[in-house]
Amino acid sequence: DAPLHFTANAGDSTTIDLSRLMGPARVVAITDPRSISLAEIQ
């Protein structure tokens, strides 16, 4: 998603910060079948 997706006149897909999309990442298993909740990620 680009910022423009939910905000008028915000940045389009050409403005996405690629540095935030490259590097270490963690895959987290969510057990709650309904939502990714605060209780589970805290």
PDB file of all heavy atoms in Angstrom:
ATOM      1  N   ASP A   1       0.836  -1.202   0.000  1.00  0.00           N
ATOM      2  CA  ASP A   1       0.000   0.000   0.000  1.00  0.00           C
ATOM      3  C   ASP A   1       0.871   1.252   0.000  1.00  0.00           C
ATOM      4  O   ASP A   1       1.878   1.314   0.716  1.00  0.00           O
ATOM      5  CB  ASP A   1      -0.894   0.035   1.238  1.00  0.00           C
ATOM      6  CG  ASP A   1      -2.050  -0.940   1.163  1.00  0.00           C
ATOM      7  OD1 ASP A   1      -2.295  -1.495   0.079  1.00  0.00           O
ATOM      8  OD2 ASP A   1      -2.707  -1.145   2.213  1.00  0.00           O
ATOM      9  N   ALA A   2       0.468   2.236  -0.767  1.00  0.00           N
ATOM     10  CA  ALA A   2       1.112   3.548  -0.726  1.00  0.00           C
ATOM     11  C   ALA A   2       0.312   4.451   0.211  1.00  0.00           C
ATOM     12  O   ALA A   2      -0.878   4.214   0.446  1.00  0.00           O
ATOM     13  CB  ALA A   2       1.164   4.151  -2.127  1.00  0.00           C
ATOM     14  N   PRO A   3       0.924   5.518   0.754  1.00  0.00           N
ATOM     15  CA  PRO A   3       0.174   6.451   1.611  1.00  0.00           C
ATOM     16  C   PRO A   3      -1.093   6.987   0.945  1.00  0.00           C
ATOM     17  O   PRO A   3      -2.100   7.242   1.602  1.00  0.00           O
ATOM     18  CB  PRO A   3       1.186   7.569   1.869  1.00  0.00           C
ATOM     19  CG  PRO A   3       2.523   6.881   1.788  1.00  0.00           C
ATOM     20  CD  PRO A   3       2.364   5.853   0.700  1.00  0.00           C
ATOM     21  N   LEU A   4      -1.068   7.104  -0.399  1.00  0.00           N
ATOM     22  CA  LEU A   4      -2.204   7.611  -1.151  1.00  0.00           C
ATOM     23  C   LEU A   4      -3.446   6.731  -1.028  1.00  0.00           C
ATOM     24  O   LEU A   4      -4.569   7.182  -1.290  1.00  0.00           O
ATOM     25  CB  LEU A   4      -1.797   7.722  -2.635  1.00  0.00           C
ATOM     26  CG  LEU A   4      -2.806   8.286  -3.634  1.00  0.00           C
ATOM     27  CD1 LEU A   4      -3.211   9.713  -3.264  1.00  0.00           C
ATOM     28  CD2 LEU A   4      -2.231   8.241  -5.045  1.00  0.00           C
ATOM     29  N   HIS A   5      -3.274   5.500  -0.599  1.00  0.00           N
ATOM     30  CA  HIS A   5      -4.389   4.557  -0.526  1.00  0.00           C
ATOM     31  C   HIS A   5      -5.526   5.070   0.362  1.00  0.00           C
ATOM     32  O   HIS A   5      -6.710   4.892   0.042  1.00  0.00           O
ATOM     33  CB  HIS A   5      -3.875   3.213  -0.009  1.00  0.00           C
ATOM     34  CG  HIS A   5      -4.854   2.093  -0.094  1.00  0.00           C
ATOM     35  ND1 HIS A   5      -5.842   2.008  -1.048  1.00  0.00           N
ATOM     36  CD2 HIS A   5      -5.008   0.977   0.686  1.00  0.00           C
ATOM     37  CE1 HIS A   5      -6.542   0.907  -0.876  1.00  0.00           C
ATOM     38  NE2 HIS A   5      -6.073   0.274   0.175  1.00  0.00           N
ATOM     39  N   PHE A   6      -5.189   5.727   1.473  1.00  0.00           N
ATOM     40  CA  PHE A   6      -6.223   6.204   2.387  1.00  0.00           C
ATOM     41  C   PHE A   6      -6.141   7.696   2.690  1.00  0.00           C
ATOM     42  O   PHE A   6      -6.909   8.193   3.513  1.00  0.00           O
ATOM     43  CB  PHE A   6      -6.173   5.404   3.699  1.00  0.00           C
ATOM     44  CG  PHE A   6      -6.922   4.101   3.622  1.00  0.00           C
ATOM     45  CD1 PHE A   6      -6.295   2.952   3.174  1.00  0.00           C
ATOM     46  CD2 PHE A   6      -8.261   4.024   3.965  1.00  0.00           C
ATOM     47  CE1 PHE A   6      -6.986   1.746   3.081  1.00  0.00           C
ATOM     48  CE2 PHE A   6      -8.960   2.831   3.881  1.00  0.00           C
ATOM     49  CZ  PHE A   6      -8.326   1.686   3.433  1.00  0.00           C
ATOM     50  N   THR A   7      -5.235   8.420   2.010  1.00  0.00           N
ATOM     51  CA  THR A   7      -5.104   9.856   2.249  1.00  0.00           C
ATOM     52  C   THR A   7      -4.979  10.593   0.924  1.00  0.00           C
ATOM     53  O   THR A   7      -4.049  10.316   0.146  1.00  0.00           O
ATOM     54  CB  THR A   7      -3.869  10.159   3.129  1.00  0.00           C
ATOM     55  OG1 THR A   7      -3.990   9.466   4.374  1.00  0.00           O
ATOM     56  CG2 THR A   7      -3.750  11.646   3.397  1.00  0.00           C
ATOM     57  N   ALA A   8      -5.900  11.508   0.675  1.00  0.00           N
ATOM     58  CA  ALA A   8      -5.849  12.282  -0.563  1.00  0.00           C
ATOM     59  C   ALA A   8      -4.560  13.097  -0.632  1.00  0.00           C
ATOM     60  O   ALA A   8      -4.092  13.648   0.369  1.00  0.00           O
ATOM     61  CB  ALA A   8      -7.058  13.212  -0.633  1.00  0.00           C
ATOM     62  N   ASN A   9      -3.974  13.130  -1.822  1.00  0.00           N
ATOM     63  CA  ASN A   9      -2.773  13.922  -2.104  1.00  0.00           C
ATOM     64  C   ASN A   9      -1.526  13.441  -1.356  1.00  0.00           C
ATOM     65  O   ASN A   9      -0.526  14.160  -1.283  1.00  0.00           O
ATOM     66  CB  ASN A   9      -3.001  15.410  -1.782  1.00  0.00           C
ATOM     67  CG  ASN A   9      -4.179  15.985  -2.555  1.00  0.00           C
ATOM     68  OD1 ASN A   9      -4.322  15.745  -3.745  1.00  0.00           O
ATOM     69  ND2 ASN A   9      -5.041  16.727  -1.867  1.00  0.00           N
ATOM     70  N   ALA A  10      -1.581  12.224  -0.800  1.00  0.00           N
ATOM     71  CA  ALA A  10      -0.388  11.658  -0.164  1.00  0.00           C
ATOM     72  C   ALA A  10       0.492  11.009  -1.235  1.00  0.00           C
ATOM     73  O   ALA A  10       0.173  11.027  -2.430  1.00  0.00           O
ATOM     74  CB  ALA A  10      -0.792  10.648   0.898  1.00  0.00           C
ATOM     75  N   GLY A  11       1.596  10.420  -0.824  1.00  0.00           N
ATOM     76  CA  GLY A  11       2.549   9.847  -1.766  1.00  0.00           C
ATOM     77  C   GLY A  11       2.009   8.626  -2.489  1.00  0.00           C
ATOM     78  O   GLY A  11       1.298   7.799  -1.905  1.00  0.00           O
ATOM     79  N   ASP A  12       2.359   8.512  -3.782  1.00  0.00           N
ATOM     80  CA  ASP A  12       1.948   7.348  -4.557  1.00  0.00           C
ATOM     81  C   ASP A  12       2.978   6.229  -4.403  1.00  0.00           C
ATOM     82  O   ASP A  12       3.894   6.312  -3.582  1.00  0.00           O
ATOM     83  CB  ASP A  12       1.725   7.720  -6.028  1.00  0.00           C
ATOM     84  CG  ASP A  12       3.008   8.137  -6.749  1.00  0.00           C
ATOM     85  OD1 ASP A  12       4.115   7.999  -6.171  1.00  0.00           O
ATOM     86  OD2 ASP A  12       2.908   8.596  -7.901  1.00  0.00           O
ATOM     87  N   SER A  13       2.817   5.180  -5.206  1.00  0.00           N
ATOM     88  CA  SER A  13       3.691   4.016  -5.031  1.00  0.00           C
ATOM     89  C   SER A  13       5.149   4.311  -5.358  1.00  0.00           C
ATOM     90  O   SER A  13       6.034   3.578  -4.925  1.00  0.00           O
ATOM     91  CB  SER A  13       3.194   2.849  -5.891  1.00  0.00           C
ATOM     92  OG  SER A  13       3.359   3.122  -7.266  1.00  0.00           O
ATOM     93  N   THR A  14       5.422   5.382  -6.091  1.00  0.00           N
ATOM     94  CA  THR A  14       6.813   5.721  -6.404  1.00  0.00           C
ATOM     95  C   THR A  14       7.540   6.319  -5.202  1.00  0.00           C
ATOM     96  O   THR A  14       8.759   6.459  -5.236  1.00  0.00           O
ATOM     97  CB  THR A  14       6.892   6.702  -7.588  1.00  0.00           C
ATOM     98  OG1 THR A  14       6.401   7.993  -7.181  1.00  0.00           O
ATOM     99  CG2 THR A  14       6.099   6.207  -8.777  1.00  0.00           C
ATOM    100  N   THR A  15       6.785   6.691  -4.162  1.00  0.00           N
ATOM    101  CA  THR A  15       7.405   7.324  -2.984  1.00  0.00           C
ATOM    102  C   THR A  15       7.648   6.348  -1.840  1.00  0.00           C
ATOM    103  O   THR A  15       8.166   6.738  -0.798  1.00  0.00           O
ATOM    104  CB  THR A  15       6.505   8.468  -2.456  1.00  0.00           C
ATOM    105  OG1 THR A  15       5.297   7.918  -1.883  1.00  0.00           O
ATOM    106  CG2 THR A  15       6.125   9.432  -3.573  1.00  0.00           C
ATOM    107  N   ILE A  16       7.264   5.089  -2.003  1.00  0.00           N
ATOM    108  CA  ILE A  16       7.443   4.104  -0.936  1.00  0.00           C
ATOM    109  C   ILE A  16       8.918   3.957  -0.584  1.00  0.00           C
ATOM    110  O   ILE A  16       9.767   3.840  -1.472  1.00  0.00           O
ATOM    111  CB  ILE A  16       6.850   2.738  -1.360  1.00  0.00           C
ATOM    112  CG1 ILE A  16       5.325   2.844  -1.516  1.00  0.00           C
ATOM    113  CG2 ILE A  16       7.203   1.654  -0.352  1.00  0.00           C
ATOM    114  CD1 ILE A  16       4.693   1.631  -2.157  1.00  0.00           C
ATOM    115  N   ASP A  17       9.234   3.975   0.683  1.00  0.00           N
ATOM    116  CA  ASP A  17      10.619   3.876   1.162  1.00  0.00           C
ATOM    117  C   ASP A  17      11.080   2.422   1.089  1.00  0.00           C
ATOM    118  O   ASP A  17      10.751   1.605   1.949  1.00  0.00           O
ATOM    119  CB  ASP A  17      10.704   4.395   2.603  1.00  0.00           C
ATOM    120  CG  ASP A  17      12.127   4.439   3.139  1.00  0.00           C
ATOM    121  OD1 ASP A  17      13.047   3.954   2.439  1.00  0.00           O
ATOM    122  OD2 ASP A  17      12.312   4.957   4.256  1.00  0.00           O
ATOM    123  N   LEU A  18      11.855   2.100   0.056  1.00  0.00           N
ATOM    124  CA  LEU A  18      12.283   0.719  -0.153  1.00  0.00           C
ATOM    125  C   LEU A  18      13.177   0.206   0.962  1.00  0.00           C
ATOM    126  O   LEU A  18      13.238  -1.009   1.203  1.00  0.00           O
ATOM    127  CB  LEU A  18      12.999   0.593  -1.499  1.00  0.00           C
ATOM    128  CG  LEU A  18      12.164   0.909  -2.746  1.00  0.00           C
ATOM    129  CD1 LEU A  18      12.990   0.671  -4.000  1.00  0.00           C
ATOM    130  CD2 LEU A  18      10.887   0.089  -2.780  1.00  0.00           C
ATOM    131  N   SER A  19      13.872   1.085   1.664  1.00  0.00           N
ATOM    132  CA  SER A  19      14.740   0.633   2.755  1.00  0.00           C
ATOM    133  C   SER A  19      13.942  -0.040   3.858  1.00  0.00           C
ATOM    134  O   SER A  19      14.471  -0.878   4.603  1.00  0.00           O
ATOM    135  CB  SER A  19      15.545   1.809   3.324  1.00  0.00           C
ATOM    136  OG  SER A  19      14.699   2.708   4.030  1.00  0.00           O
ATOM    137  N   ARG A  20      12.673   0.294   3.962  1.00  0.00           N
ATOM    138  CA  ARG A  20      11.812  -0.324   4.974  1.00  0.00           C
ATOM    139  C   ARG A  20      11.306  -1.683   4.536  1.00  0.00           C
ATOM    140  O   ARG A  20      10.744  -2.429   5.339  1.00  0.00           O
ATOM    141  CB  ARG A  20      10.638   0.603   5.291  1.00  0.00           C
ATOM    142  CG  ARG A  20      11.113   1.908   5.921  1.00  0.00           C
ATOM    143  CD  ARG A  20      10.003   2.846   6.304  1.00  0.00           C
ATOM    144  NE  ARG A  20      10.573   3.950   7.074  1.00  0.00           N
ATOM    145  CZ  ARG A  20      10.135   4.356   8.264  1.00  0.00           C
ATOM    146  NH1 ARG A  20       9.120   3.744   8.829  1.00  0.00           N
ATOM    147  NH2 ARG A  20      10.720   5.346   8.894  1.00  0.00           N
ATOM    148  N   LEU A  21      11.522  -2.010   3.265  1.00  0.00           N
ATOM    149  CA  LEU A  21      11.047  -3.271   2.707  1.00  0.00           C
ATOM    150  C   LEU A  21      12.176  -4.268   2.466  1.00  0.00           C
ATOM    151  O   LEU A  21      11.944  -5.331   1.900  1.00  0.00           O
ATOM    152  CB  LEU A  21      10.312  -2.999   1.394  1.00  0.00           C
ATOM    153  CG  LEU A  21       9.019  -2.194   1.531  1.00  0.00           C
ATOM    154  CD1 LEU A  21       8.523  -1.760   0.154  1.00  0.00           C
ATOM    155  CD2 LEU A  21       7.950  -3.004   2.246  1.00  0.00           C
ATOM    156  N   MET A  22      13.372  -3.927   2.891  1.00  0.00           N
ATOM    157  CA  MET A  22      14.537  -4.798   2.716  1.00  0.00           C
ATOM    158  C   MET A  22      15.322  -4.860   4.016  1.00  0.00           C
ATOM    159  O   MET A  22      15.602  -3.828   4.617  1.00  0.00           O
ATOM    160  CB  MET A  22      15.432  -4.282   1.587  1.00  0.00           C
ATOM    161  CG  MET A  22      14.746  -4.257   0.225  1.00  0.00           C
ATOM    162  SD  MET A  22      15.872  -3.777  -1.119  1.00  0.00           S
ATOM    163  CE  MET A  22      16.052  -2.021  -0.758  1.00  0.00           C
ATOM    164  N   GLY A  23      15.645  -6.081   4.446  1.00  0.00           N
ATOM    165  CA  GLY A  23      16.409  -6.246   5.673  1.00  0.00           C
ATOM    166  C   GLY A  23      15.810  -7.325   6.550  1.00  0.00           C
ATOM    167  O   GLY A  23      14.940  -8.088   6.116  1.00  0.00           O
ATOM    168  N   PRO A  24      16.263  -7.408   7.789  1.00  0.00           N
ATOM    169  CA  PRO A  24      15.751  -8.447   8.697  1.00  0.00           C
ATOM    170  C   PRO A  24      14.242  -8.320   8.897  1.00  0.00           C
ATOM    171  O   PRO A  24      13.707  -7.215   9.009  1.00  0.00           O
ATOM    172  CB  PRO A  24      16.505  -8.171  10.005  1.00  0.00           C
ATOM    173  CG  PRO A  24      17.713  -7.399   9.596  1.00  0.00           C
ATOM    174  CD  PRO A  24      17.309  -6.589   8.421  1.00  0.00           C
ATOM    175  N   ALA A  25      13.565  -9.460   8.925  1.00  0.00           N
ATOM    176  CA  ALA A  25      12.115  -9.497   9.154  1.00  0.00           C
ATOM    177  C   ALA A  25      11.784 -10.734   9.972  1.00  0.00           C
ATOM    178  O   ALA A  25      12.500 -11.730   9.923  1.00  0.00           O
ATOM    179  CB  ALA A  25      11.354  -9.510   7.832  1.00  0.00           C
ATOM    180  N   ARG A  26      10.688 -10.649  10.718  1.00  0.00           N
ATOM    181  CA  ARG A  26      10.275 -11.773  11.542  1.00  0.00           C
ATOM    182  C   ARG A  26       8.871 -12.231  11.149  1.00  0.00           C
ATOM    183  O   ARG A  26       7.948 -11.416  11.059  1.00  0.00           O
ATOM    184  CB  ARG A  26      10.282 -11.371  13.018  1.00  0.00           C
ATOM    185  CG  ARG A  26      10.006 -12.543  13.944  1.00  0.00           C
ATOM    186  CD  ARG A  26      10.058 -12.227  15.438  1.00  0.00           C
ATOM    187  NE  ARG A  26      10.328 -10.863  15.814  1.00  0.00           N
ATOM    188  CZ  ARG A  26      10.058 -10.366  17.030  1.00  0.00           C
ATOM    189  NH1 ARG A  26       9.522 -11.142  17.956  1.00  0.00           N
ATOM    190  NH2 ARG A  26      10.325  -9.111  17.320  1.00  0.00           N
ATOM    191  N   VAL A  27       8.736 -13.524  10.888  1.00  0.00           N
ATOM    192  CA  VAL A  27       7.418 -14.106  10.643  1.00  0.00           C
ATOM    193  C   VAL A  27       6.865 -14.571  11.986  1.00  0.00           C
ATOM    194  O   VAL A  27       7.505 -15.363  12.692  1.00  0.00           O
ATOM    195  CB  VAL A  27       7.494 -15.278   9.646  1.00  0.00           C
ATOM    196  CG1 VAL A  27       6.133 -15.954   9.517  1.00  0.00           C
ATOM    197  CG2 VAL A  27       7.985 -14.788   8.294  1.00  0.00           C
ATOM    198  N   VAL A  28       5.702 -14.070  12.339  1.00  0.00           N
ATOM    199  CA  VAL A  28       5.082 -14.346  13.632  1.00  0.00           C
ATOM    200  C   VAL A  28       3.792 -15.141  13.421  1.00  0.00           C
ATOM    201  O   VAL A  28       2.927 -14.738  12.631  1.00  0.00           O
ATOM    202  CB  VAL A  28       4.762 -13.037  14.380  1.00  0.00           C
ATOM    203  CG1 VAL A  28       4.039 -13.330  15.694  1.00  0.00           C
ATOM    204  CG2 VAL A  28       6.034 -12.234  14.629  1.00  0.00           C
ATOM    205  N   ALA A  29       3.664 -16.262  14.104  1.00  0.00           N
ATOM    206  CA  ALA A  29       2.451 -17.071  14.024  1.00  0.00           C
ATOM    207  C   ALA A  29       1.387 -16.494  14.947  1.00  0.00           C
ATOM    208  O   ALA A  29       1.635 -16.282  16.141  1.00  0.00           O
ATOM    209  CB  ALA A  29       2.749 -18.512  14.402  1.00  0.00           C
ATOM    210  N   ILE A  30       0.221 -16.221  14.398  1.00  0.00           N
ATOM    211  CA  ILE A  30      -0.916 -15.703  15.168  1.00  0.00           C
ATOM    212  C   ILE A  30      -1.892 -16.848  15.421  1.00  0.00           C
ATOM    213  O   ILE A  30      -2.342 -17.513  14.482  1.00  0.00           O
ATOM    214  CB  ILE A  30      -1.616 -14.559  14.408  1.00  0.00           C
ATOM    215  CG1 ILE A  30      -0.653 -13.370  14.220  1.00  0.00           C
ATOM    216  CG2 ILE A  30      -2.893 -14.126  15.123  1.00  0.00           C
ATOM    217  CD1 ILE A  30      -0.172 -12.738  15.523  1.00  0.00           C
ATOM    218  N   THR A  31      -2.225 -17.076  16.682  1.00  0.00           N
ATOM    219  CA  THR A  31      -3.106 -18.191  17.027  1.00  0.00           C
ATOM    220  C   THR A  31      -4.578 -17.790  17.121  1.00  0.00           C
ATOM    221  O   THR A  31      -5.455 -18.634  16.967  1.00  0.00           O
ATOM    222  CB  THR A  31      -2.677 -18.831  18.354  1.00  0.00           C
ATOM    223  OG1 THR A  31      -2.730 -17.834  19.396  1.00  0.00           O
ATOM    224  CG2 THR A  31      -1.250 -19.364  18.255  1.00  0.00           C
ATOM    225  N   ASP A  32      -4.827 -16.509  17.393  1.00  0.00           N
ATOM    226  CA  ASP A  32      -6.206 -16.036  17.486  1.00  0.00           C
ATOM    227  C   ASP A  32      -6.865 -16.173  16.113  1.00  0.00           C
ATOM    228  O   ASP A  32      -6.369 -15.625  15.132  1.00  0.00           O
ATOM    229  CB  ASP A  32      -6.224 -14.578  17.931  1.00  0.00           C
ATOM    230  CG  ASP A  32      -7.607 -14.069  18.283  1.00  0.00           C
ATOM    231  OD1 ASP A  32      -8.590 -14.487  17.614  1.00  0.00           O
ATOM    232  OD2 ASP A  32      -7.737 -13.241  19.201  1.00  0.00           O
ATOM    233  N   PRO A  33      -7.974 -16.888  15.993  1.00  0.00           N
ATOM    234  CA  PRO A  33      -8.602 -17.084  14.685  1.00  0.00           C
ATOM    235  C   PRO A  33      -9.399 -15.883  14.196  1.00  0.00           C
ATOM    236  O   PRO A  33      -9.840 -15.857  13.046  1.00  0.00           O
ATOM    237  CB  PRO A  33      -9.539 -18.275  14.926  1.00  0.00           C
ATOM    238  CG  PRO A  33      -9.910 -18.150  16.370  1.00  0.00           C
ATOM    239  CD  PRO A  33      -8.679 -17.635  17.053  1.00  0.00           C
ATOM    240  N   ARG A  34      -9.566 -14.877  15.048  1.00  0.00           N
ATOM    241  CA  ARG A  34     -10.417 -13.734  14.701  1.00  0.00           C
ATOM    242  C   ARG A  34      -9.644 -12.479  14.328  1.00  0.00           C
ATOM    243  O   ARG A  34     -10.053 -11.738  13.428  1.00  0.00           O
ATOM    244  CB  ARG A  34     -11.360 -13.416  15.866  1.00  0.00           C
ATOM    245  CG  ARG A  34     -12.322 -14.548  16.196  1.00  0.00           C
ATOM    246  CD  ARG A  34     -13.121 -14.249  17.448  1.00  0.00           C
ATOM    247  NE  ARG A  34     -12.247 -14.008  18.610  1.00  0.00           N
ATOM    248  CZ  ARG A  34     -11.700 -14.973  19.336  1.00  0.00           C
ATOM    249  NH1 ARG A  34     -11.915 -16.234  19.031  1.00  0.00           N
ATOM    250  NH2 ARG A  34     -10.931 -14.684  20.373  1.00  0.00           N
ATOM    251  N   SER A  35      -8.546 -12.203  15.020  1.00  0.00           N
ATOM    252  CA  SER A  35      -7.824 -10.955  14.761  1.00  0.00           C
ATOM    253  C   SER A  35      -6.385 -11.050  15.243  1.00  0.00           C
ATOM    254  O   SER A  35      -6.021 -11.943  16.019  1.00  0.00           O
ATOM    255  CB  SER A  35      -8.522  -9.781  15.464  1.00  0.00           C
ATOM    256  OG  SER A  35      -8.358  -9.878  16.880  1.00  0.00           O
ATOM    257  N   ILE A  36      -5.570 -10.123  14.755  1.00  0.00           N
ATOM    258  CA  ILE A  36      -4.210  -9.943  15.272  1.00  0.00           C
ATOM    259  C   ILE A  36      -4.360  -8.916  16.392  1.00  0.00           C
ATOM    260  O   ILE A  36      -4.466  -7.715  16.150  1.00  0.00           O
ATOM    261  CB  ILE A  36      -3.266  -9.440  14.171  1.00  0.00           C
ATOM    262  CG1 ILE A  36      -3.281 -10.412  12.985  1.00  0.00           C
ATOM    263  CG2 ILE A  36      -1.842  -9.287  14.714  1.00  0.00           C
ATOM    264  CD1 ILE A  36      -2.591  -9.862  11.734  1.00  0.00           C
ATOM    265  N   SER A  37      -4.428  -9.406  17.604  1.00  0.00           N
ATOM    266  CA  SER A  37      -4.841  -8.572  18.735  1.00  0.00           C
ATOM    267  C   SER A  37      -3.653  -8.008  19.500  1.00  0.00           C
ATOM    268  O   SER A  37      -2.530  -8.521  19.447  1.00  0.00           O
ATOM    269  CB  SER A  37      -5.703  -9.405  19.696  1.00  0.00           C
ATOM    270  OG  SER A  37      -4.904 -10.410  20.314  1.00  0.00           O
ATOM    271  N   LEU A  38      -3.928  -6.948  20.238  1.00  0.00           N
ATOM    272  CA  LEU A  38      -2.928  -6.356  21.110  1.00  0.00           C
ATOM    273  C   LEU A  38      -2.439  -7.376  22.129  1.00  0.00           C
ATOM    274  O   LEU A  38      -1.234  -7.469  22.407  1.00  0.00           O
ATOM    275  CB  LEU A  38      -3.505  -5.130  21.809  1.00  0.00           C
ATOM    276  CG  LEU A  38      -2.585  -4.419  22.800  1.00  0.00           C
ATOM    277  CD1 LEU A  38      -1.332  -3.892  22.112  1.00  0.00           C
ATOM    278  CD2 LEU A  38      -3.339  -3.282  23.497  1.00  0.00           C
ATOM    279  N   ALA A  39      -3.347  -8.167  22.680  1.00  0.00           N
ATOM    280  CA  ALA A  39      -2.976  -9.158  23.697  1.00  0.00           C
ATOM    281  C   ALA A  39      -1.966 -10.157  23.157  1.00  0.00           C
ATOM    282  O   ALA A  39      -1.076 -10.602  23.889  1.00  0.00           O
ATOM    283  CB  ALA A  39      -4.226  -9.876  24.192  1.00  0.00           C
ATOM    284  N   GLU A  40      -2.072 -10.507  21.866  1.00  0.00           N
ATOM    285  CA  GLU A  40      -1.169 -11.513  21.324  1.00  0.00           C
ATOM    286  C   GLU A  40       0.188 -10.936  20.927  1.00  0.00           C
ATOM    287  O   GLU A  40       1.200 -11.634  20.993  1.00  0.00           O
ATOM    288  CB  GLU A  40      -1.804 -12.213  20.122  1.00  0.00           C
ATOM    289  CG  GLU A  40      -1.008 -13.420  19.663  1.00  0.00           C
ATOM    290  CD  GLU A  40      -1.831 -14.428  18.895  1.00  0.00           C
ATOM    291  OE1 GLU A  40      -3.001 -14.144  18.573  1.00  0.00           O
ATOM    292  OE2 GLU A  40      -1.305 -15.521  18.618  1.00  0.00           O
ATOM    293  N   ILE A  41       0.229  -9.663  20.545  1.00  0.00           N
ATOM    294  CA  ILE A  41       1.519  -9.110  20.109  1.00  0.00           C
ATOM    295  C   ILE A  41       2.273  -8.400  21.232  1.00  0.00           C
ATOM    296  O   ILE A  41       3.485  -8.201  21.126  1.00  0.00           O
ATOM    297  CB  ILE A  41       1.360  -8.161  18.901  1.00  0.00           C
ATOM    298  CG1 ILE A  41       0.590  -6.907  19.288  1.00  0.00           C
ATOM    299  CG2 ILE A  41       0.708  -8.879  17.731  1.00  0.00           C
ATOM    300  CD1 ILE A  41       0.597  -5.861  18.191  1.00  0.00           C
ATOM    301  N   GLN A  42       1.584  -8.059  22.316  1.00  0.00           N
ATOM    302  CA  GLN A  42       2.268  -7.380  23.417  1.00  0.00           C
ATOM    303  C   GLN A  42       3.447  -8.184  23.985  1.00  0.00           C
ATOM    304  O   GLN A  42       4.481  -7.603  24.335  1.00  0.00           O
ATOM    305  CB  GLN A  42       1.279  -7.034  24.525  1.00  0.00           C
ATOM    306  CG  GLN A  42       0.649  -5.666  24.368  1.00  0.00           C
ATOM    307  CD  GLN A  42      -0.255  -5.303  25.523  1.00  0.00           C
ATOM    308  OE1 GLN A  42      -0.936  -6.157  26.106  1.00  0.00           O
ATOM    309  NE2 GLN A  42      -0.284  -4.023  25.868  1.00  0.00           N
TER     310      GLN A  42
END
